[in-house]
């Protein structure tokens, strides 16, 4: 329906704007980058941004991720599956998230109108 299309497009535009502004604020206001600018929150407070190695990230994933540690997540996965009509929502999101190359900057990720391709 036309109204539904307008609502979806408006929501899509609002989401893109919000995400873009939040990412910009993380850099320009907070300073959440390896070398924060002097006028950012981190720069003014001498906060050092510590980036994690791939090995440390994998270590955290093995402790927390449903892929490596499924038991604590079973209840939530079942609830999501039930709400979606039987799809493994986590697995779908996991697979889609990995379509984007690992070192891609957030600003370089292209938004998609998922409802038009479904």
C-alpha atoms as a PDB file:
ATOM      1  CA  UNK A   1       0.000   0.000   0.000  1.00  0.00           C
ATOM      2  CA  UNK A   2       1.083   3.569  -0.597  1.00  0.00           C
ATOM      3  CA  UNK A   3       0.891   4.598   3.078  1.00  0.00           C
ATOM      4  CA  UNK A   4       3.021   1.625   4.114  1.00  0.00           C
ATOM      5  CA  UNK A   5       5.628   2.532   1.468  1.00  0.00           C
ATOM      6  CA  UNK A   6       5.753   6.118   2.750  1.00  0.00           C
ATOM      7  CA  UNK A   7       6.138   4.932   6.356  1.00  0.00           C
ATOM      8  CA  UNK A   8       8.926   2.496   5.400  1.00  0.00           C
ATOM      9  CA  UNK A   9      10.811   5.121   3.359  1.00  0.00           C
ATOM     10  CA  UNK A  10      10.460   7.720   6.118  1.00  0.00           C
ATOM     11  CA  UNK A  11      11.666   5.244   8.733  1.00  0.00           C
ATOM     12  CA  UNK A  12      14.566   4.258   6.493  1.00  0.00           C
ATOM     13  CA  UNK A  13      15.605   7.908   6.046  1.00  0.00           C
ATOM     14  CA  UNK A  14      15.319   8.571   9.794  1.00  0.00           C
ATOM     15  CA  UNK A  15      17.404   5.499  10.595  1.00  0.00           C
ATOM     16  CA  UNK A  16      20.121   6.500   8.123  1.00  0.00           C
ATOM     17  CA  UNK A  17      20.249  10.055   9.501  1.00  0.00           C
ATOM     18  CA  UNK A  18      20.376   8.881  13.119  1.00  0.00           C
ATOM     19  CA  UNK A  19      23.086   6.295  12.504  1.00  0.00           C
ATOM     20  CA  UNK A  20      25.205   8.715  10.466  1.00  0.00           C
ATOM     21  CA  UNK A  21      24.955  11.438  13.139  1.00  0.00           C
ATOM     22  CA  UNK A  22      25.727   9.005  15.967  1.00  0.00           C
ATOM     23  CA  UNK A  23      28.827   7.699  14.179  1.00  0.00           C
ATOM     24  CA  UNK A  24      29.955  11.263  13.491  1.00  0.00           C
ATOM     25  CA  UNK A  25      29.439  12.194  17.163  1.00  0.00           C
ATOM     26  CA  UNK A  26      31.531   9.232  18.319  1.00  0.00           C
ATOM     27  CA  UNK A  27      34.464  10.714  16.421  1.00  0.00           C
ATOM     28  CA  UNK A  28      33.858  14.477  16.608  1.00  0.00           C
ATOM     29  CA  UNK A  29      32.376  14.799  20.102  1.00  0.00           C
ATOM     30  CA  UNK A  30      33.529  11.749  22.051  1.00  0.00           C
ATOM     31  CA  UNK A  31      36.833  11.105  20.290  1.00  0.00           C
ATOM     32  CA  UNK A  32      36.386   7.339  20.069  1.00  0.00           C
ATOM     33  CA  UNK A  33      39.294   6.890  17.650  1.00  0.00           C
ATOM     34  CA  UNK A  34      42.945   5.910  18.154  1.00  0.00           C
ATOM     35  CA  UNK A  35      44.086   9.559  18.240  1.00  0.00           C
ATOM     36  CA  UNK A  36      41.204  11.620  19.677  1.00  0.00           C
ATOM     37  CA  UNK A  37      41.137  15.298  18.788  1.00  0.00           C
ATOM     38  CA  UNK A  38      42.036  17.793  21.533  1.00  0.00           C
ATOM     39  CA  UNK A  39      38.508  19.244  21.674  1.00  0.00           C
ATOM     40  CA  UNK A  40      36.768  15.874  22.110  1.00  0.00           C
ATOM     41  CA  UNK A  41      35.649  14.434  25.452  1.00  0.00           C
ATOM     42  CA  UNK A  42      38.449  11.857  25.299  1.00  0.00           C
ATOM     43  CA  UNK A  43      41.025  14.445  24.185  1.00  0.00           C
ATOM     44  CA  UNK A  44      40.173  16.879  26.994  1.00  0.00           C
ATOM     45  CA  UNK A  45      40.331  14.119  29.599  1.00  0.00           C
ATOM     46  CA  UNK A  46      43.463  12.415  28.242  1.00  0.00           C
ATOM     47  CA  UNK A  47      41.597   9.162  27.551  1.00  0.00           C
ATOM     48  CA  UNK A  48      43.635   6.690  25.528  1.00  0.00           C
ATOM     49  CA  UNK A  49      41.640   4.536  23.125  1.00  0.00           C
ATOM     50  CA  UNK A  50      42.824   0.947  23.358  1.00  0.00           C
ATOM     51  CA  UNK A  51      42.110  -1.106  20.261  1.00  0.00           C
ATOM     52  CA  UNK A  52      41.874  -4.864  20.587  1.00  0.00           C
ATOM     53  CA  UNK A  53      43.853  -7.307  18.496  1.00  0.00           C
ATOM     54  CA  UNK A  54      42.044  -9.937  16.430  1.00  0.00           C
ATOM     55  CA  UNK A  55      43.179 -12.537  18.978  1.00  0.00           C
ATOM     56  CA  UNK A  56      41.608 -10.586  21.866  1.00  0.00           C
ATOM     57  CA  UNK A  57      38.378 -10.085  19.933  1.00  0.00           C
ATOM     58  CA  UNK A  58      38.229 -13.820  19.200  1.00  0.00           C
ATOM     59  CA  UNK A  59      38.858 -14.533  22.891  1.00  0.00           C
ATOM     60  CA  UNK A  60      35.877 -12.331  23.834  1.00  0.00           C
ATOM     61  CA  UNK A  61      33.713 -13.960  21.157  1.00  0.00           C
ATOM     62  CA  UNK A  62      34.549 -17.402  22.507  1.00  0.00           C
ATOM     63  CA  UNK A  63      33.463 -16.296  25.982  1.00  0.00           C
ATOM     64  CA  UNK A  64      30.286 -14.469  24.972  1.00  0.00           C
ATOM     65  CA  UNK A  65      29.050 -15.319  21.486  1.00  0.00           C
ATOM     66  CA  UNK A  66      26.143 -17.712  20.958  1.00  0.00           C
ATOM     67  CA  UNK A  67      28.296 -19.326  18.272  1.00  0.00           C
ATOM     68  CA  UNK A  68      30.837 -20.499  20.847  1.00  0.00           C
ATOM     69  CA  UNK A  69      28.792 -20.370  24.044  1.00  0.00           C
ATOM     70  CA  UNK A  70      25.193 -21.191  23.057  1.00  0.00           C
ATOM     71  CA  UNK A  71      23.726 -22.283  26.403  1.00  0.00           C
ATOM     72  CA  UNK A  72      23.124 -18.814  27.966  1.00  0.00           C
ATOM     73  CA  UNK A  73      21.459 -17.661  24.736  1.00  0.00           C
ATOM     74  CA  UNK A  74      19.119 -20.599  24.107  1.00  0.00           C
ATOM     75  CA  UNK A  75      16.066 -19.018  25.755  1.00  0.00           C
ATOM     76  CA  UNK A  76      16.418 -15.780  23.785  1.00  0.00           C
ATOM     77  CA  UNK A  77      17.034 -17.579  20.508  1.00  0.00           C
ATOM     78  CA  UNK A  78      13.940 -19.712  21.066  1.00  0.00           C
ATOM     79  CA  UNK A  79      11.834 -16.623  21.830  1.00  0.00           C
ATOM     80  CA  UNK A  80      13.060 -14.839  18.704  1.00  0.00           C
ATOM     81  CA  UNK A  81      12.506 -17.964  16.642  1.00  0.00           C
ATOM     82  CA  UNK A  82       8.961 -18.276  17.933  1.00  0.00           C
ATOM     83  CA  UNK A  83       8.199 -14.590  17.227  1.00  0.00           C
ATOM     84  CA  UNK A  84       9.554 -14.882  13.682  1.00  0.00           C
ATOM     85  CA  UNK A  85       7.553 -17.967  12.809  1.00  0.00           C
ATOM     86  CA  UNK A  86      10.388 -20.450  13.150  1.00  0.00           C
ATOM     87  CA  UNK A  87      13.398 -18.681  11.628  1.00  0.00           C
ATOM     88  CA  UNK A  88      16.684 -18.633  13.518  1.00  0.00           C
ATOM     89  CA  UNK A  89      16.813 -14.832  13.719  1.00  0.00           C
ATOM     90  CA  UNK A  90      20.240 -14.776  15.367  1.00  0.00           C
ATOM     91  CA  UNK A  91      21.730 -16.926  12.588  1.00  0.00           C
ATOM     92  CA  UNK A  92      20.169 -14.707   9.911  1.00  0.00           C
ATOM     93  CA  UNK A  93      21.580 -11.535  11.521  1.00  0.00           C
ATOM     94  CA  UNK A  94      24.955 -13.227  12.086  1.00  0.00           C
ATOM     95  CA  UNK A  95      25.196 -14.227   8.411  1.00  0.00           C
ATOM     96  CA  UNK A  96      24.121 -10.800   7.128  1.00  0.00           C
ATOM     97  CA  UNK A  97      26.585  -9.010   9.417  1.00  0.00           C
ATOM     98  CA  UNK A  98      29.418 -11.107   7.992  1.00  0.00           C
ATOM     99  CA  UNK A  99      28.565 -10.137   4.408  1.00  0.00           C
ATOM    100  CA  UNK A 100      30.357  -6.869   5.153  1.00  0.00           C
ATOM    101  CA  UNK A 101      34.155  -7.162   4.983  1.00  0.00           C
ATOM    102  CA  UNK A 102      35.713  -7.041   8.443  1.00  0.00           C
ATOM    103  CA  UNK A 103      37.745  -3.847   8.025  1.00  0.00           C
ATOM    104  CA  UNK A 104      34.973  -1.800   6.394  1.00  0.00           C
ATOM    105  CA  UNK A 105      34.462   1.600   7.990  1.00  0.00           C
ATOM    106  CA  UNK A 106      30.943   2.157   9.318  1.00  0.00           C
ATOM    107  CA  UNK A 107      30.477   5.153   7.012  1.00  0.00           C
ATOM    108  CA  UNK A 108      31.210   2.906   4.014  1.00  0.00           C
ATOM    109  CA  UNK A 109      28.449   0.382   4.735  1.00  0.00           C
ATOM    110  CA  UNK A 110      25.637   0.866   2.247  1.00  0.00           C
ATOM    111  CA  UNK A 111      22.135   0.877   3.700  1.00  0.00           C
ATOM    112  CA  UNK A 112      19.656  -1.471   2.039  1.00  0.00           C
ATOM    113  CA  UNK A 113      15.919  -1.340   1.725  1.00  0.00           C
ATOM    114  CA  UNK A 114      15.506  -4.868   3.080  1.00  0.00           C
ATOM    115  CA  UNK A 115      11.717  -4.870   2.692  1.00  0.00           C
ATOM    116  CA  UNK A 116      12.081  -4.414  -1.084  1.00  0.00           C
ATOM    117  CA  UNK A 117      14.414  -7.386  -1.483  1.00  0.00           C
ATOM    118  CA  UNK A 118      12.598  -9.798   0.831  1.00  0.00           C
END
